[in-house]
């Protein structure tokens, strides 16, 4: 859990025009909801959020959300961050209030560690299938990521969600049979095997062909000798 405090201000006006003016002044329209209370429109300085995101990454970070100069503060998380695809500026933020003694459901990234034996020594190819899993735990117990060792994987082997080592108090919500990563034959190896198989079949067909092709609709040798 982060000890950082993010200061926000109440937002009196809402709507597209108001939000446009806020962004032009260097602020971001936002909303805070959850913990059994109604949603409240707020605003936060973009510079403040960029510094915060740079320090903690923002994903699943629990921090204190403080309302202006008041003594009101609440633990919160970022639930949605809308980014302008062209300008790469933050357009809107959804904050969720959290209670430290109530569990939350979050998505946590999976980090693969090592090079599989099947890739290193057998010419296989690694397929990273599932890059994050859903878990449930108290806000203070949220892992930053799950590190999975894949060095022992050979061609045909895979890692499932049930193979992830969970810290105490963390429950896996993703289907335990979900494949996270697998090692398979590389496309090049498969193509070579298919080419070899096709070549073997071609050789068999050639061996079955007659040495002297039969004439169709023509005269045979005996008929030619009789005429001679």
Protein backbone atom coordinates (compact mmCIF):
# COMPACT_ATOMS: atom_id res chain seq x y z
CA UNK A 1 0.00 0.00 0.00
CA UNK A 2 1.23 3.48 -0.92
CA UNK A 3 1.62 6.19 1.74
CA UNK A 4 1.11 8.88 -0.88
CA UNK A 5 -1.75 11.35 -0.53
CA UNK A 6 -3.48 12.67 -3.64
CA UNK A 7 -5.25 16.00 -3.11
CA UNK A 8 -8.47 16.56 -5.08
CA UNK A 9 -11.02 19.36 -5.25
CA UNK A 10 -14.83 19.21 -5.45
CA UNK A 11 -16.23 19.72 -8.96
CA UNK A 12 -19.24 22.03 -9.05
CA UNK A 13 -19.95 21.87 -12.78
CA UNK A 14 -20.25 18.81 -14.99
CA UNK A 15 -20.69 18.26 -18.71
CA UNK A 16 -18.51 18.36 -21.83
CA UNK A 17 -17.96 22.10 -21.88
CA UNK A 18 -17.01 22.24 -18.21
CA UNK A 19 -14.67 19.27 -18.58
CA UNK A 20 -13.03 20.89 -21.61
CA UNK A 21 -12.33 24.04 -19.63
CA UNK A 22 -10.88 21.98 -16.78
CA UNK A 23 -8.47 20.18 -19.10
CA UNK A 24 -7.43 23.46 -20.68
CA UNK A 25 -6.53 24.78 -17.21
CA UNK A 26 -4.38 21.75 -16.40
CA UNK A 27 -6.92 19.80 -14.33
CA UNK A 28 -8.60 16.44 -14.90
CA UNK A 29 -12.31 15.75 -14.34
CA UNK A 30 -12.80 12.74 -12.09
CA UNK A 31 -15.31 10.93 -9.90
CA UNK A 32 -14.99 8.98 -6.65
CA UNK A 33 -17.44 6.22 -5.75
CA UNK A 34 -17.81 3.06 -3.67
CA UNK A 35 -17.79 2.07 0.02
CA UNK A 36 -21.56 2.31 0.14
CA UNK A 37 -21.64 6.04 -0.59
CA UNK A 38 -22.85 8.01 -3.59
CA UNK A 39 -20.53 9.07 -6.39
CA UNK A 40 -18.99 12.54 -6.04
CA UNK A 41 -17.57 14.56 -8.98
CA UNK A 42 -14.09 15.91 -8.26
CA UNK A 43 -11.08 17.33 -10.07
CA UNK A 44 -7.34 16.71 -9.72
CA UNK A 45 -4.31 18.49 -11.19
CA UNK A 46 -2.81 16.60 -14.13
CA UNK A 47 0.73 17.30 -12.91
CA UNK A 48 -0.14 15.73 -9.54
CA UNK A 49 -1.48 12.60 -11.21
CA UNK A 50 1.47 12.23 -13.57
CA UNK A 51 3.91 12.43 -10.66
CA UNK A 52 1.82 9.90 -8.73
CA UNK A 53 1.61 7.47 -11.67
CA UNK A 54 5.34 7.79 -12.29
CA UNK A 55 6.12 6.89 -8.68
CA UNK A 56 3.70 4.03 -8.03
CA UNK A 57 2.52 3.00 -11.48
CA UNK A 58 -1.10 3.56 -10.48
CA UNK A 59 -2.22 -0.01 -11.15
CA UNK A 60 -3.80 -1.46 -7.98
CA UNK A 61 -2.04 1.14 -5.81
CA UNK A 62 -3.96 2.04 -2.65
CA UNK A 63 -3.47 5.61 -1.47
CA UNK A 64 -5.16 8.40 0.48
CA UNK A 65 -7.53 10.65 -1.42
CA UNK A 66 -7.76 13.97 0.41
CA UNK A 67 -10.41 16.61 -0.29
CA UNK A 68 -8.75 20.02 -0.59
CA UNK A 69 -7.71 21.70 2.66
CA UNK A 70 -10.26 19.75 4.69
CA UNK A 71 -9.53 16.89 7.05
CA UNK A 72 -11.58 14.53 4.89
CA UNK A 73 -9.53 11.68 3.42
CA UNK A 74 -10.30 8.19 2.26
CA UNK A 75 -8.30 5.23 0.98
CA UNK A 76 -8.88 4.82 -2.72
CA UNK A 77 -7.73 3.09 -5.91
CA UNK A 78 -7.78 4.08 -9.56
CA UNK A 79 -10.41 1.97 -11.31
CA UNK A 80 -10.40 3.59 -14.74
CA UNK A 81 -8.01 5.95 -16.50
CA UNK A 82 -9.10 7.38 -19.84
CA UNK A 83 -6.25 8.50 -22.11
CA UNK A 84 -6.58 10.64 -25.23
CA UNK A 85 -5.26 8.33 -28.01
CA UNK A 86 -3.78 11.23 -30.00
CA UNK A 87 -2.53 13.72 -27.40
CA UNK A 88 -1.76 11.03 -24.77
CA UNK A 89 -3.26 13.27 -22.09
CA UNK A 90 -5.41 12.01 -19.20
CA UNK A 91 -9.07 12.70 -20.03
CA UNK A 92 -10.90 11.32 -17.00
CA UNK A 93 -10.26 9.26 -13.85
CA UNK A 94 -12.52 6.98 -11.83
CA UNK A 95 -11.44 6.63 -8.18
CA UNK A 96 -12.94 3.92 -5.99
CA UNK A 97 -13.12 4.27 -2.22
CA UNK A 98 -11.84 1.19 -0.42
CA UNK A 99 -12.17 -0.04 3.13
CA UNK A 100 -8.97 -1.61 4.40
CA UNK A 101 -10.89 -4.40 6.17
CA UNK A 102 -13.00 -5.36 3.12
CA UNK A 103 -11.71 -7.48 0.24
CA UNK A 104 -11.49 -6.14 -3.29
CA UNK A 105 -11.29 -7.85 -6.68
CA UNK A 106 -8.42 -6.74 -8.91
CA UNK A 107 -6.45 -7.86 -11.95
CA UNK A 108 -2.75 -8.55 -11.33
CA UNK A 109 -0.13 -8.95 -14.05
CA UNK A 110 1.85 -12.14 -14.63
CA UNK A 111 5.63 -11.90 -15.17
CA UNK A 112 7.44 -14.87 -16.76
CA UNK A 113 10.93 -15.49 -15.43
CA UNK A 114 13.63 -17.45 -17.24
CA UNK A 115 13.99 -19.08 -20.67
CA UNK A 116 12.15 -22.41 -21.13
CA UNK A 117 14.31 -25.48 -21.75
CA UNK A 118 12.08 -26.27 -24.71
CA UNK A 119 12.97 -22.94 -26.32
CA UNK A 120 16.66 -22.96 -25.38
CA UNK A 121 17.50 -26.57 -26.26
CA UNK A 122 14.65 -27.96 -28.36
CA UNK A 123 13.92 -25.15 -30.79
CA UNK A 124 10.45 -24.53 -29.39
CA UNK A 125 8.45 -21.34 -29.20
CA UNK A 126 7.01 -19.69 -26.07
CA UNK A 127 3.36 -18.63 -26.19
CA UNK A 128 2.41 -16.11 -23.47
CA UNK A 129 -1.35 -16.79 -23.36
CA UNK A 130 -2.67 -15.03 -20.23
CA UNK A 131 -0.88 -11.90 -19.05
CA UNK A 132 -2.99 -11.11 -15.97
CA UNK A 133 -5.26 -12.94 -13.54
CA UNK A 134 -8.09 -11.86 -11.26
CA UNK A 135 -7.71 -12.22 -7.50
CA UNK A 136 -9.54 -11.20 -4.33
CA UNK A 137 -7.89 -9.98 -1.14
CA UNK A 138 -7.70 -7.12 1.34
CA UNK A 139 -6.42 -3.83 -0.16
CA UNK A 140 -3.21 -4.00 1.87
CA UNK A 141 -2.39 -7.49 0.53
CA UNK A 142 -2.59 -6.78 -3.21
CA UNK A 143 0.56 -8.15 -4.94
CA UNK A 144 2.31 -5.93 -7.46
CA UNK A 145 2.67 -8.90 -9.83
CA UNK A 146 2.97 -12.69 -9.95
CA UNK A 147 6.39 -14.03 -10.96
CA UNK A 148 6.23 -17.46 -12.63
CA UNK A 149 9.40 -19.49 -13.27
CA UNK A 150 9.20 -21.15 -16.71
CA UNK A 151 12.78 -22.43 -17.11
CA UNK A 152 11.80 -26.10 -16.73
CA UNK A 153 9.14 -26.07 -19.47
CA UNK A 154 9.81 -28.39 -22.41
CA UNK A 155 7.97 -28.61 -25.72
CA UNK A 156 4.38 -29.61 -24.95
CA UNK A 157 4.49 -28.29 -21.35
CA UNK A 158 2.43 -25.39 -20.01
CA UNK A 159 1.75 -23.38 -16.85
CA UNK A 160 -1.81 -22.93 -15.53
CA UNK A 161 -3.34 -20.42 -13.11
CA UNK A 162 -3.34 -23.07 -10.38
CA UNK A 163 0.47 -23.14 -10.58
CA UNK A 164 0.77 -19.54 -9.40
CA UNK A 165 2.08 -19.29 -5.84
CA UNK A 166 -0.40 -17.13 -3.92
CA UNK A 167 0.54 -15.09 -0.84
CA UNK A 168 -1.43 -15.67 2.34
CA UNK A 169 -4.89 -14.13 2.20
CA UNK A 170 -5.02 -13.96 -1.61
CA UNK A 171 -7.64 -16.00 -3.49
CA UNK A 172 -7.43 -16.84 -7.19
CA UNK A 173 -10.64 -15.98 -9.07
CA UNK A 174 -9.40 -16.82 -12.56
CA UNK A 175 -10.24 -20.38 -13.62
CA UNK A 176 -7.42 -22.53 -12.24
CA UNK A 177 -7.16 -24.44 -15.52
CA UNK A 178 -6.52 -21.25 -17.52
CA UNK A 179 -3.24 -21.61 -19.41
CA UNK A 180 -0.79 -18.81 -18.67
CA UNK A 181 2.12 -19.87 -20.89
CA UNK A 182 2.99 -22.84 -23.09
CA UNK A 183 5.94 -24.10 -25.14
CA UNK A 184 5.18 -25.51 -28.58
CA UNK A 185 7.01 -26.42 -31.78
CA UNK A 186 8.15 -23.34 -33.65
CA UNK A 187 6.46 -22.58 -36.96
CA UNK A 188 9.76 -23.13 -38.77
CA UNK A 189 10.13 -26.61 -37.25
CA UNK A 190 6.54 -27.48 -38.12
CA UNK A 191 6.99 -26.31 -41.71
CA UNK A 192 10.17 -28.38 -42.07
CA UNK A 193 8.40 -31.47 -40.72
CA UNK A 194 5.51 -30.94 -43.13
CA UNK A 195 7.94 -30.49 -46.03
CA UNK A 196 9.79 -33.71 -45.10
CA UNK A 197 6.51 -35.61 -44.87
CA UNK A 198 5.40 -34.28 -48.26
CA UNK A 199 8.76 -35.25 -49.78
CA UNK A 200 8.48 -38.81 -48.43
CA UNK A 201 4.99 -39.18 -49.88
CA UNK A 202 6.27 -37.87 -53.23
CA UNK A 203 9.08 -40.45 -53.32
CA UNK A 204 6.58 -43.24 -52.71
CA UNK A 205 4.46 -42.10 -55.65
CA UNK A 206 7.47 -41.97 -57.96
CA UNK A 207 8.48 -45.56 -57.07
CA UNK A 208 5.01 -46.82 -57.98
CA UNK A 209 5.10 -45.37 -61.53
CA UNK A 210 5.80 -47.89 -64.34
CA UNK A 211 9.27 -47.80 -65.93
CA UNK A 212 7.83 -47.72 -69.47
CA UNK A 213 4.67 -45.70 -69.93
CA UNK A 214 1.83 -47.54 -71.62
CA UNK A 215 0.73 -46.16 -74.99
CA UNK A 216 -2.91 -45.23 -75.09
CA UNK A 217 -4.68 -45.54 -78.41
CA UNK A 218 -1.46 -46.50 -80.21
CA UNK A 219 -0.07 -49.68 -81.92
CA UNK A 220 2.09 -52.14 -79.99
CA UNK A 221 5.44 -53.59 -81.10
CA UNK A 222 4.07 -57.00 -82.31
CA UNK A 223 1.57 -55.31 -84.63
CA UNK A 224 4.37 -53.23 -86.14
CA UNK A 225 6.48 -56.38 -86.82
CA UNK A 226 3.56 -58.20 -88.53
CA UNK A 227 2.96 -55.26 -90.81
CA UNK A 228 6.65 -55.19 -91.61
